[in-house]
Every structure is written in C-alpha cells, then in structure tokens.
C-alpha cells in the first residue's frame, strides 16, 4: 500500500511567549497556525523555537505547544534539542514533529568535526594564541518509523547566519563596527562556523549511508532546515556533494538533491532581504528517496521584507521565512 509522506521545514523566527512582547504569542498564532494547517505535513522540522521557564520545572517549549494545540499536529510525536540538564534550550531550539513514531534521537555537535582553532588578527587587545571556534547550534538527527521496514533518516539543521561574529574591541555598538577589517574578520568567522556545520552534516550523512550499505535498508535520508545559504554557496555544495565538484561518479548515489529545484525559478525563494529573493531554507533528499518524489510547495505568497529602511521596530506576527513542504509517495 502506498504511503503519502509530506515533509516540511519552517523557521518560526524566535517563537516565544514573553510578557508584554509585541506581537504577542496569540497574535502570532493567529497567523502561523493557518500556515501550518496549509502544509498538511506528516513531518515538520522547526527552527528558532524558544524555551519557556516555569518555577520548579524544566524549561519547556510551551509557546510551540500553544501554537500546535487545536490542530492535528498536537498529537504528533516530538523531538527537540536539549541542554546537558535535559531541558529545552533558552533560545533557538530545533524541533521535529512527526505523525509516525520517532524511534531514535541524536543531538550532534563537534562529534564529526572538532572545534577549529583560530587567532583573531584584529581583536583589541590582540589575541596571544589561537582559541577554539564553536558553532552555536547542534544538528538534530531522528529516525522515524514509517512501518513495513521503512525508516526515514531525518536531519534538522540551522546553520550560522551571515551576520558577523563578535571580534573583541571592534564594535562601537551592537550593530556598528569600529573598522572595516574588524567587520571582515567577524564575517570570516561566521563563514567558518557555517561551513564547519556543513562539514559535520556531510560527514554524518556519509556515516548514515555507510550504515545503510551494511544493513541493506532503504536509503531514505532527508536534511531539512535553515541553511543560511543558497545551493550555489559553499555550505550547500559541501552538503549536497555534486558529482561535478567531486569528479567521482562512484559517489552519485550519495548526492543529496534540493527538492526546490522542481519549483519555477521565479517562485523559488524563502526569504526577502532588501527586495532580493533568497532561497535559504531547503529540503535535501537522497537519490533513492527522490524516486518517490512528487513535488515541492514554497508558501511565500505573502512573505514580507522586514529589512527595508521604512520598517519600524514592531515585528510582523508572521515569520520572515516561508515554510516549504516536499511530497513523496512511498511504495
């Protein structure tokens, strides 16, 4: 019997429930919940889900719980990133919800890619020696049981943004740099983190392929999330592994394919920045899973551009990222 499978990814842009915050959570839910219902998803990868604290209890994802309530998603299986205290992070959690049982959850950070060392050249005072560079967010890897011996290997990621990392002594204020060189070095460090995360993800994907080669199980692998890069930039190229770059046709079965390629180019964007259409969110599928691919939707019809100079400090209730969903029909 064929199994329809709709996999979505959605950066919720700092979903939280702080008292007095505008827009309020209820204002955001009024916009976000219909977007979730439209996805008709079986699996959703969320990014930027903040945790909420309650006295005497572990930090929870209560804002997300409120968003999902009164929808079919409130009954889905859930996995999310956790601290060493086994509670949600304060900010920017990764979350996976699934109609199908989640059998295994792994949180990966610097397990496949050690922290690189780097000595900043523009820091004030100067750094005497190299220090470790770490990325802020882990990778969330889950195994979802689709029944009949079919396991979906799903990876949720949020790569470092292009916003420059801090360089000591090079800032006049939060958004004002003291020198061009300081700004350039901050951008370089952010790139290092972003590509480092991409490397770790690619090594993880290869490890999954190795295990499936041995077990003989179907190679149903998907990497979803906010990659903060388009398909032509280094992080995505590193994760996808196109044969044109590796020069090795023997690796063709391990290439990860961006599902949005089947969307017309004029509609292929998930974010608007200064009027420019950008595709920063992706659903990458293994070639074997692509056999059963039917299409992708990017729900960007009312996507706003809040980077314009005419914008006020009031945030929009919707996210600045568009959700996207890829549909498969498995045998």
Protein backbone atom coordinates (compact mmCIF):
# COMPACT_ATOMS: atom_id res chain seq x y z
CA UNK A 1 0.00 0.00 0.00
CA UNK A 2 1.41 3.41 -0.99
CA UNK A 3 2.32 5.79 1.84
CA UNK A 4 1.98 9.55 1.20
CA UNK A 5 4.68 11.47 3.04
CA UNK A 6 4.78 15.27 3.24
CA UNK A 7 7.95 16.64 4.85
CA UNK A 8 8.10 20.34 5.75
CA UNK A 9 10.57 22.80 7.22
CA UNK A 10 9.72 26.14 8.81
CA UNK A 11 11.85 28.73 10.62
CA UNK A 12 9.34 30.26 13.06
CA UNK A 13 11.55 33.32 13.75
CA UNK A 14 12.08 33.43 17.51
CA UNK A 15 8.81 31.83 18.62
CA UNK A 16 8.38 32.86 22.26
CA UNK A 17 5.83 33.90 24.89
CA UNK A 18 7.41 36.77 26.81
CA UNK A 19 5.06 39.02 28.80
CA UNK A 20 4.50 42.36 27.08
CA UNK A 21 6.23 41.30 23.87
CA UNK A 22 4.76 42.55 20.60
CA UNK A 23 3.49 40.92 18.60
CA UNK A 24 2.11 38.70 21.36
CA UNK A 25 2.08 34.94 21.04
CA UNK A 26 -1.67 34.97 20.44
CA UNK A 27 -1.17 37.47 17.61
CA UNK A 28 1.49 35.24 16.11
CA UNK A 29 -0.61 32.08 16.48
CA UNK A 30 -3.46 33.73 14.57
CA UNK A 31 -1.14 33.95 11.54
CA UNK A 32 1.15 30.95 11.99
CA UNK A 33 -1.45 28.27 12.73
CA UNK A 34 -3.21 28.61 9.35
CA UNK A 35 0.20 28.36 7.68
CA UNK A 36 0.84 25.07 9.48
CA UNK A 37 -2.57 23.70 8.55
CA UNK A 38 -1.96 24.55 4.90
CA UNK A 39 1.20 22.42 4.91
CA UNK A 40 -0.80 19.23 5.60
CA UNK A 41 2.51 17.79 6.73
CA UNK A 42 3.32 14.38 8.14
CA UNK A 43 6.69 15.58 9.41
CA UNK A 44 7.81 19.15 10.19
CA UNK A 45 11.27 20.46 11.07
CA UNK A 46 11.09 23.72 13.05
CA UNK A 47 13.89 26.19 13.73
CA UNK A 48 14.09 29.13 16.18
CA UNK A 49 11.71 27.76 18.80
CA UNK A 50 12.44 29.41 22.17
CA UNK A 51 12.01 27.72 25.54
CA UNK A 52 9.81 28.96 28.39
CA UNK A 53 10.55 28.65 32.11
CA UNK A 54 8.15 27.68 34.88
CA UNK A 55 9.10 27.65 38.55
CA UNK A 56 10.23 24.24 39.72
CA UNK A 57 10.02 22.69 36.25
CA UNK A 58 12.48 22.06 33.41
CA UNK A 59 12.46 24.61 30.60
CA UNK A 60 9.73 23.70 28.11
CA UNK A 61 8.57 24.52 24.59
CA UNK A 62 5.24 25.88 25.79
CA UNK A 63 4.90 28.51 23.04
CA UNK A 64 5.14 25.77 20.43
CA UNK A 65 2.65 23.65 22.38
CA UNK A 66 0.16 26.52 22.27
CA UNK A 67 0.76 27.01 18.55
CA UNK A 68 0.11 23.34 17.78
CA UNK A 69 -2.91 22.95 20.05
CA UNK A 70 -6.30 22.53 18.37
CA UNK A 71 -4.56 21.23 15.23
CA UNK A 72 -3.81 17.66 14.09
CA UNK A 73 -0.16 18.36 14.98
CA UNK A 74 -0.81 18.48 18.74
CA UNK A 75 -0.89 14.66 18.75
CA UNK A 76 2.32 14.21 16.76
CA UNK A 77 5.47 12.62 18.18
CA UNK A 78 8.06 15.27 19.15
CA UNK A 79 11.84 15.53 19.47
CA UNK A 80 13.87 18.67 20.20
CA UNK A 81 17.34 19.85 21.15
CA UNK A 82 18.21 19.70 24.85
CA UNK A 83 20.83 21.07 27.21
CA UNK A 84 23.04 18.92 29.42
CA UNK A 85 20.30 19.33 32.06
CA UNK A 86 17.87 17.50 29.76
CA UNK A 87 15.68 20.53 29.12
CA UNK A 88 14.99 22.76 26.13
CA UNK A 89 17.49 25.47 25.28
CA UNK A 90 16.61 29.04 26.19
CA UNK A 91 16.54 30.13 22.54
CA UNK A 92 16.56 28.73 19.01
CA UNK A 93 15.72 25.10 19.61
CA UNK A 94 15.43 22.66 16.73
CA UNK A 95 12.22 20.63 16.83
CA UNK A 96 10.87 17.70 14.81
CA UNK A 97 7.22 16.68 14.96
CA UNK A 98 6.02 13.53 13.21
CA UNK A 99 2.81 11.66 12.53
CA UNK A 100 4.90 8.48 12.62
CA UNK A 101 6.81 7.19 15.68
CA UNK A 102 10.25 8.67 16.35
CA UNK A 103 12.45 5.71 17.26
CA UNK A 104 15.79 7.37 17.92
CA UNK A 105 17.05 10.91 18.61
CA UNK A 106 20.64 12.12 18.37
CA UNK A 107 21.99 15.60 19.03
CA UNK A 108 25.30 16.14 17.28
CA UNK A 109 27.82 18.93 17.80
CA UNK A 110 31.57 18.62 17.24
CA UNK A 111 31.32 14.82 17.16
CA UNK A 112 32.26 14.54 13.48
CA UNK A 113 34.04 17.90 13.15
CA UNK A 114 36.25 19.05 16.06
CA UNK A 115 36.37 22.71 17.03
CA UNK A 116 38.81 24.57 14.76
CA UNK A 117 41.36 26.87 16.38
CA UNK A 118 41.86 30.43 15.19
CA UNK A 119 43.70 33.54 16.42
CA UNK A 120 41.84 36.76 15.65
CA UNK A 121 44.03 39.30 13.85
CA UNK A 122 42.00 42.48 14.54
CA UNK A 123 40.97 41.89 18.16
CA UNK A 124 41.78 44.59 20.73
CA UNK A 125 43.70 43.73 22.83
CA UNK A 126 45.43 41.33 20.42
CA UNK A 127 44.97 37.62 21.00
CA UNK A 128 48.20 35.94 22.04
CA UNK A 129 47.16 32.47 20.92
CA UNK A 130 44.54 30.66 18.90
CA UNK A 131 41.22 29.85 20.56
CA UNK A 132 38.57 27.27 19.77
CA UNK A 133 35.78 28.30 17.41
CA UNK A 134 32.48 26.56 18.15
CA UNK A 135 29.13 26.70 16.39
CA UNK A 136 26.14 27.71 18.46
CA UNK A 137 23.65 25.06 17.37
CA UNK A 138 23.81 21.26 17.17
CA UNK A 139 22.36 19.01 14.48
CA UNK A 140 19.16 17.13 15.38
CA UNK A 141 19.05 13.66 13.79
CA UNK A 142 16.00 11.43 14.24
CA UNK A 143 14.90 8.07 12.88
CA UNK A 144 11.20 7.91 12.01
CA UNK A 145 9.47 4.55 11.67
CA UNK A 146 7.30 4.53 8.54
CA UNK A 147 6.35 0.87 9.15
CA UNK A 148 6.92 -2.13 6.87
CA UNK A 149 10.68 -1.96 7.48
CA UNK A 150 10.98 1.60 6.21
CA UNK A 151 12.95 4.04 8.36
CA UNK A 152 13.23 7.73 7.48
CA UNK A 153 16.55 9.27 8.50
CA UNK A 154 15.68 12.92 9.09
CA UNK A 155 18.16 15.67 9.93
CA UNK A 156 17.11 19.14 11.13
CA UNK A 157 19.71 21.91 10.92
CA UNK A 158 20.09 25.66 11.39
CA UNK A 159 23.43 26.85 10.08
CA UNK A 160 25.13 30.02 11.30
CA UNK A 161 23.76 33.21 9.80
CA UNK A 162 25.86 35.57 7.70
CA UNK A 163 25.78 38.14 10.49
CA UNK A 164 29.40 38.78 11.56
CA UNK A 165 30.59 37.12 14.76
CA UNK A 166 31.92 39.30 17.55
CA UNK A 167 35.52 40.47 17.49
CA UNK A 168 36.72 41.96 20.79
CA UNK A 169 37.30 45.72 20.64
CA UNK A 170 35.90 46.07 17.11
CA UNK A 171 32.35 47.20 17.96
CA UNK A 172 31.14 50.73 18.70
CA UNK A 173 27.68 49.36 19.48
CA UNK A 174 25.64 46.24 18.74
CA UNK A 175 25.25 47.00 15.03
CA UNK A 176 28.10 49.46 14.41
CA UNK A 177 31.63 48.28 13.65
CA UNK A 178 34.71 50.31 14.52
CA UNK A 179 36.75 49.23 11.46
CA UNK A 180 36.13 47.57 8.12
CA UNK A 181 38.80 44.99 8.93
CA UNK A 182 37.00 44.05 12.15
CA UNK A 183 33.72 43.61 10.27
CA UNK A 184 35.51 41.50 7.64
CA UNK A 185 37.04 39.23 10.27
CA UNK A 186 33.67 38.83 12.01
CA UNK A 187 32.16 37.78 8.67
CA UNK A 188 35.02 35.34 8.10
CA UNK A 189 34.49 33.71 11.50
CA UNK A 190 30.76 33.32 10.80
CA UNK A 191 31.62 31.69 7.47
CA UNK A 192 33.98 29.34 9.27
CA UNK A 193 31.17 28.30 11.63
CA UNK A 194 28.65 27.88 8.82
CA UNK A 195 30.94 25.75 6.66
CA UNK A 196 32.06 23.80 9.73
CA UNK A 197 28.46 22.87 10.47
CA UNK A 198 28.02 21.89 6.83
CA UNK A 199 31.09 19.65 7.03
CA UNK A 200 29.77 17.95 10.16
CA UNK A 201 26.42 17.38 8.47
CA UNK A 202 28.04 15.89 5.36
CA UNK A 203 30.18 13.51 7.44
CA UNK A 204 27.04 12.46 9.35
CA UNK A 205 25.20 11.82 6.08
CA UNK A 206 28.09 9.69 4.80
CA UNK A 207 28.05 7.75 8.08
CA UNK A 208 24.32 7.06 7.64
CA UNK A 209 24.94 5.86 4.07
CA UNK A 210 27.71 3.57 5.35
CA UNK A 211 25.39 2.01 7.93
CA UNK A 212 22.59 1.52 5.39
CA UNK A 213 25.03 -0.06 2.92
CA UNK A 214 25.75 -2.70 5.56
CA UNK A 215 22.16 -3.23 6.75
CA UNK A 216 20.59 -3.19 3.29
CA UNK A 217 17.79 -0.91 4.48
CA UNK A 218 16.28 1.69 2.12
CA UNK A 219 18.35 4.86 1.91
CA UNK A 220 15.57 7.27 2.84
CA UNK A 221 17.58 10.29 4.03
CA UNK A 222 16.39 13.91 4.26
CA UNK A 223 18.20 17.01 5.56
CA UNK A 224 15.90 19.96 6.26
CA UNK A 225 16.21 23.39 7.76
CA UNK A 226 17.51 26.92 7.54
CA UNK A 227 20.92 26.64 5.87
CA UNK A 228 21.50 30.41 5.56
CA UNK A 229 22.94 29.72 2.11
CA UNK A 230 21.66 29.02 -1.38
CA UNK A 231 22.51 25.96 -3.46
CA UNK A 232 25.46 27.65 -5.17
CA UNK A 233 27.26 28.60 -1.96
CA UNK A 234 29.94 26.51 -0.27
CA UNK A 235 27.86 25.15 2.66
CA UNK A 236 25.17 23.70 0.39
CA UNK A 237 27.68 22.40 -2.14
CA UNK A 238 29.55 20.65 0.68
CA UNK A 239 26.37 19.00 1.96
CA UNK A 240 24.97 18.08 -1.47
CA UNK A 241 28.23 16.71 -2.87
CA UNK A 242 27.50 17.19 -6.59
CA UNK A 243 29.48 14.90 -8.88
CA UNK A 244 30.51 17.95 -10.92
CA UNK A 245 32.54 19.03 -7.88
CA UNK A 246 33.84 15.69 -6.57
CA UNK A 247 34.63 14.33 -10.03
CA UNK A 248 33.73 10.84 -8.80
CA UNK A 249 30.74 9.18 -10.47
CA UNK A 250 31.05 6.32 -7.97
CA UNK A 251 29.58 8.67 -5.36
CA UNK A 252 26.49 9.55 -7.38
CA UNK A 253 24.13 7.57 -5.11
CA UNK A 254 25.25 9.71 -2.15
CA UNK A 255 24.41 13.08 -3.67
CA UNK A 256 21.71 15.00 -1.76
CA UNK A 257 19.23 16.76 -4.06
CA UNK A 258 17.45 20.04 -3.21
CA UNK A 259 13.74 19.43 -3.75
CA UNK A 260 13.04 23.09 -4.57
CA UNK A 261 14.73 22.59 -7.95
CA UNK A 262 11.34 21.49 -9.31
CA UNK A 263 9.80 24.87 -8.36
CA UNK A 264 9.89 27.55 -11.11
CA UNK A 265 12.79 29.92 -10.51
CA UNK A 266 10.52 32.96 -10.24
CA UNK A 267 8.82 31.36 -7.21
CA UNK A 268 11.91 29.74 -5.72
CA UNK A 269 12.57 31.84 -2.62
CA UNK A 270 12.00 31.50 1.12
CA UNK A 271 13.18 34.94 2.32
CA UNK A 272 13.14 38.54 1.09
CA UNK A 273 16.07 40.78 2.04
CA UNK A 274 16.26 44.34 0.75
CA UNK A 275 13.95 43.33 -2.08
CA UNK A 276 16.10 40.37 -3.14
CA UNK A 277 14.61 36.88 -3.32
CA UNK A 278 16.74 34.33 -1.46
CA UNK A 279 16.37 30.57 -1.05
CA UNK A 280 17.95 29.85 2.33
CA UNK A 281 15.66 27.05 3.53
CA UNK A 282 15.97 23.65 1.91
CA UNK A 283 14.76 20.06 1.88
CA UNK A 284 17.58 17.84 0.60
CA UNK A 285 16.65 14.26 -0.31
CA UNK A 286 18.75 11.21 -1.06
CA UNK A 287 18.62 9.92 -4.62
CA UNK A 288 16.78 6.74 -3.61
CA UNK A 289 14.07 8.76 -1.83
CA UNK A 290 13.84 11.08 -4.85
CA UNK A 291 12.45 8.10 -6.79
CA UNK A 292 9.16 8.65 -4.97
CA UNK A 293 9.21 12.47 -5.08
CA UNK A 294 6.09 14.22 -6.32
CA UNK A 295 6.72 17.95 -5.83
CA UNK A 296 7.53 20.90 -3.57
CA UNK A 297 5.49 23.87 -2.41
CA UNK A 298 7.01 27.11 -1.09
CA UNK A 299 4.35 29.15 0.69
CA UNK A 300 5.82 32.58 0.02
CA UNK A 301 2.82 34.45 -1.42
CA UNK A 302 2.59 36.94 1.46
CA UNK A 303 6.21 36.85 2.61
CA UNK A 304 7.27 40.26 3.88
CA UNK A 305 10.60 42.08 3.66
CA UNK A 306 11.28 43.50 7.10
CA UNK A 307 14.82 44.59 6.22
CA UNK A 308 13.65 47.73 4.40
CA UNK A 309 14.58 51.13 5.79
CA UNK A 310 10.92 52.13 6.10
CA UNK A 311 10.19 49.38 8.62
CA UNK A 312 9.58 50.21 12.28
CA UNK A 313 10.84 48.21 15.24
CA UNK A 314 7.45 46.48 15.51
CA UNK A 315 7.87 42.93 14.28
CA UNK A 316 5.46 41.17 11.99
CA UNK A 317 3.39 38.37 13.59
CA UNK A 318 4.38 36.00 10.77
CA UNK A 319 7.88 34.64 10.26
CA UNK A 320 10.34 36.26 7.87
CA UNK A 321 10.90 32.77 6.40
CA UNK A 322 8.41 30.95 4.19
CA UNK A 323 7.56 27.34 5.04
CA UNK A 324 8.18 24.72 2.38
CA UNK A 325 6.94 21.16 2.02
CA UNK A 326 8.05 18.28 -0.21
CA UNK A 327 5.72 15.40 -1.03
CA UNK A 328 6.69 11.78 -1.57
CA UNK A 329 4.60 8.64 -2.15
CA UNK A 330 6.45 5.61 -0.84
CA UNK A 331 5.69 2.06 -2.02
